Amino acid sequence: MPRTAAKPRLLDRKEGLYLKHTGSIKGRGVFCSRPIKKGDAIEVTPSLLLNENETLTVDQTHMVNYTFVTGDISAKLRKKTGIKDPEHASSVLFGVMTFCNHDEKPNAIIEWEEEDGTVYFTLRATRAIPKNTEICTTYGEGWFDDRA
């Protein structure tokens, strides 16, 4: 019996997203020109996984601000990418969500899912977001404490 191909993963982005300088310490941010409903996927994008050595190299560059912790990926994907400890590896995302700023009370969350040997990240609204509002996630408690 022929093997059927897996259903392709839909890469998606809400229309009307734009980058704008925030006028604060945050720099550029992602804004929406249309309202977004709670629970909506704002963007779905693949990532490039970096092993521990690659992550150490990137951490010495400006790219450190645009990488994400990898998370608990499968043993198969760890082997393929040479990752021994996912907590010391990272992901480079290929979407605008890398420009989402931190907020202690974010209006969006970044979720990830491994599928078919690729890690996909989804930016999802945690509440309704009015048009021309900055879309923010959280980088963790106290993010700006040492950056003010």
Protein backbone atom coordinates (compact mmCIF):
# COMPACT_ATOMS: atom_id res chain seq x y z
CA MET A 1 0.00 0.00 0.00
CA PRO A 2 1.51 3.41 -0.94
CA ARG A 3 2.42 5.68 1.92
CA THR A 4 0.53 8.96 1.92
CA ALA A 5 2.45 12.16 2.42
CA ALA A 6 1.89 14.05 5.65
CA LYS A 7 -0.43 17.01 5.39
CA PRO A 8 1.75 20.09 4.82
CA ARG A 9 2.10 22.47 7.76
CA LEU A 10 0.38 25.80 7.05
CA LEU A 11 2.66 28.79 7.59
CA ASP A 12 0.47 31.76 8.31
CA ARG A 13 0.58 35.39 9.36
CA LYS A 14 -2.26 37.80 10.09
CA GLU A 15 -2.60 40.56 7.53
CA GLY A 16 -1.79 44.05 8.69
CA LEU A 17 1.14 43.41 11.02
CA TYR A 18 3.82 46.08 10.96
CA LEU A 19 7.04 47.09 12.72
CA LYS A 20 7.25 50.45 14.42
CA HIS A 21 9.62 52.12 16.85
CA THR A 22 7.95 52.23 20.25
CA GLY A 23 9.70 55.38 21.44
CA SER A 24 10.89 53.53 24.55
CA ILE A 25 13.77 51.32 25.67
CA LYS A 26 12.06 48.48 23.77
CA GLY A 27 13.01 49.84 20.32
CA ARG A 28 11.03 48.27 17.47
CA GLY A 29 7.86 46.36 18.09
CA VAL A 30 5.16 44.47 16.22
CA PHE A 31 1.81 46.23 15.85
CA CYS A 32 -1.47 45.28 14.20
CA SER A 33 -3.47 47.50 11.82
CA ARG A 34 -6.57 45.36 12.41
CA PRO A 35 -8.13 44.04 15.61
CA ILE A 36 -7.14 40.50 16.63
CA LYS A 37 -9.46 38.16 18.53
CA LYS A 38 -8.46 36.30 21.69
CA GLY A 39 -7.09 32.88 20.75
CA ASP A 40 -6.24 33.81 17.16
CA ALA A 41 -2.96 32.56 15.73
CA ILE A 42 -1.15 35.75 14.76
CA GLU A 43 1.73 33.94 13.07
CA VAL A 44 3.00 30.39 12.52
CA THR A 45 6.63 30.05 11.45
CA PRO A 46 9.34 27.38 11.30
CA SER A 47 12.62 27.66 13.12
CA LEU A 48 16.24 26.71 12.66
CA LEU A 49 17.64 24.74 15.58
CA LEU A 50 21.12 25.56 16.83
CA ASN A 51 23.09 23.06 18.90
CA GLU A 52 24.97 24.10 22.03
CA ASN A 53 28.16 25.15 20.20
CA GLU A 54 26.24 27.12 17.57
CA THR A 55 24.24 28.78 20.34
CA LEU A 56 27.45 29.84 22.14
CA THR A 57 28.67 31.44 18.90
CA VAL A 58 25.36 33.26 18.30
CA ASP A 59 25.28 34.38 21.94
CA GLN A 60 28.39 36.49 21.21
CA THR A 61 26.50 38.45 18.55
CA HIS A 62 23.51 40.75 18.30
CA MET A 63 21.48 37.66 17.27
CA VAL A 64 21.31 36.64 20.95
CA ASN A 65 18.33 39.02 21.22
CA TYR A 66 16.47 37.12 18.50
CA THR A 67 16.89 33.49 19.56
CA PHE A 68 14.67 31.36 21.75
CA VAL A 69 15.27 28.44 24.10
CA THR A 70 14.70 25.23 22.16
CA GLY A 71 12.62 23.25 24.65
CA ASP A 72 12.19 19.51 25.05
CA ILE A 73 12.57 18.20 21.50
CA SER A 74 12.48 14.54 20.50
CA ALA A 75 15.53 12.29 20.70
CA LYS A 76 15.38 11.87 16.90
CA LEU A 77 15.58 15.62 16.32
CA ARG A 78 18.31 16.00 18.95
CA LYS A 79 20.40 13.43 17.12
CA LYS A 80 19.75 15.06 13.73
CA THR A 81 20.81 18.51 14.99
CA GLY A 82 23.60 17.40 17.34
CA ILE A 83 21.79 18.77 20.40
CA LYS A 84 22.67 17.03 23.66
CA ASP A 85 21.04 19.47 26.10
CA PRO A 86 18.07 21.44 24.70
CA GLU A 87 18.25 23.91 27.61
CA HIS A 88 21.59 25.11 26.20
CA ALA A 89 20.52 25.05 22.56
CA SER A 90 18.42 27.66 20.78
CA SER A 91 16.05 28.32 17.91
CA VAL A 92 16.10 31.05 15.30
CA LEU A 93 12.55 31.92 14.23
CA PHE A 94 11.79 33.06 10.71
CA GLY A 95 8.94 35.42 11.39
CA VAL A 96 7.98 38.82 12.77
CA MET A 97 7.34 37.34 16.21
CA THR A 98 11.08 37.67 16.87
CA PHE A 99 10.41 41.42 17.04
CA CYS A 100 7.66 41.13 19.68
CA ASN A 101 8.72 43.00 22.79
CA HIS A 102 8.46 41.92 26.41
CA ASP A 103 5.64 43.01 28.66
CA GLU A 104 4.86 41.90 32.22
CA LYS A 105 1.20 41.66 31.11
CA PRO A 106 1.52 40.31 27.55
CA ASN A 107 -1.33 40.16 25.06
CA ALA A 108 0.19 37.20 23.20
CA ILE A 109 2.08 34.01 23.90
CA ILE A 110 4.59 32.07 21.84
CA GLU A 111 3.90 28.33 21.68
CA TRP A 112 5.99 25.70 19.91
CA GLU A 113 5.37 22.29 18.46
CA GLU A 114 7.60 19.73 16.81
CA GLU A 115 6.27 18.20 13.62
CA ASP A 116 7.99 16.14 10.93
CA GLY A 117 11.51 17.05 12.08
CA THR A 118 10.83 20.80 12.29
CA VAL A 119 9.98 22.98 15.28
CA TYR A 120 7.18 25.44 14.52
CA PHE A 121 6.40 28.47 16.65
CA THR A 122 2.94 30.03 16.93
CA LEU A 123 2.25 33.55 18.19
CA ARG A 124 -1.24 33.47 19.73
CA ALA A 125 -3.37 36.28 21.17
CA THR A 126 -4.15 35.74 24.88
CA ARG A 127 -6.81 38.46 24.80
CA ALA A 128 -8.45 40.72 22.22
CA ILE A 129 -5.91 43.12 20.70
CA PRO A 130 -7.31 46.40 19.32
CA LYS A 131 -5.94 47.77 16.05
CA ASN A 132 -2.72 49.80 16.22
CA THR A 133 -1.75 48.06 19.47
CA GLU A 134 1.69 46.61 20.11
CA ILE A 135 1.76 42.82 20.31
CA CYS A 136 3.87 41.76 23.30
CA THR A 137 4.92 38.48 24.85
CA THR A 138 6.82 37.80 28.06
CA TYR A 139 10.52 36.98 28.24
CA GLY A 140 10.20 36.11 31.92
CA GLU A 141 9.64 37.99 35.15
CA GLY A 142 11.87 41.03 35.78
CA TRP A 143 13.18 41.22 32.21
CA PHE A 144 13.78 44.98 32.34
CA ASP A 145 15.16 45.07 35.89
CA ASP A 146 18.78 45.21 34.69
CA ARG A 147 18.06 47.03 31.43
CA ALA A 148 16.40 50.26 32.60
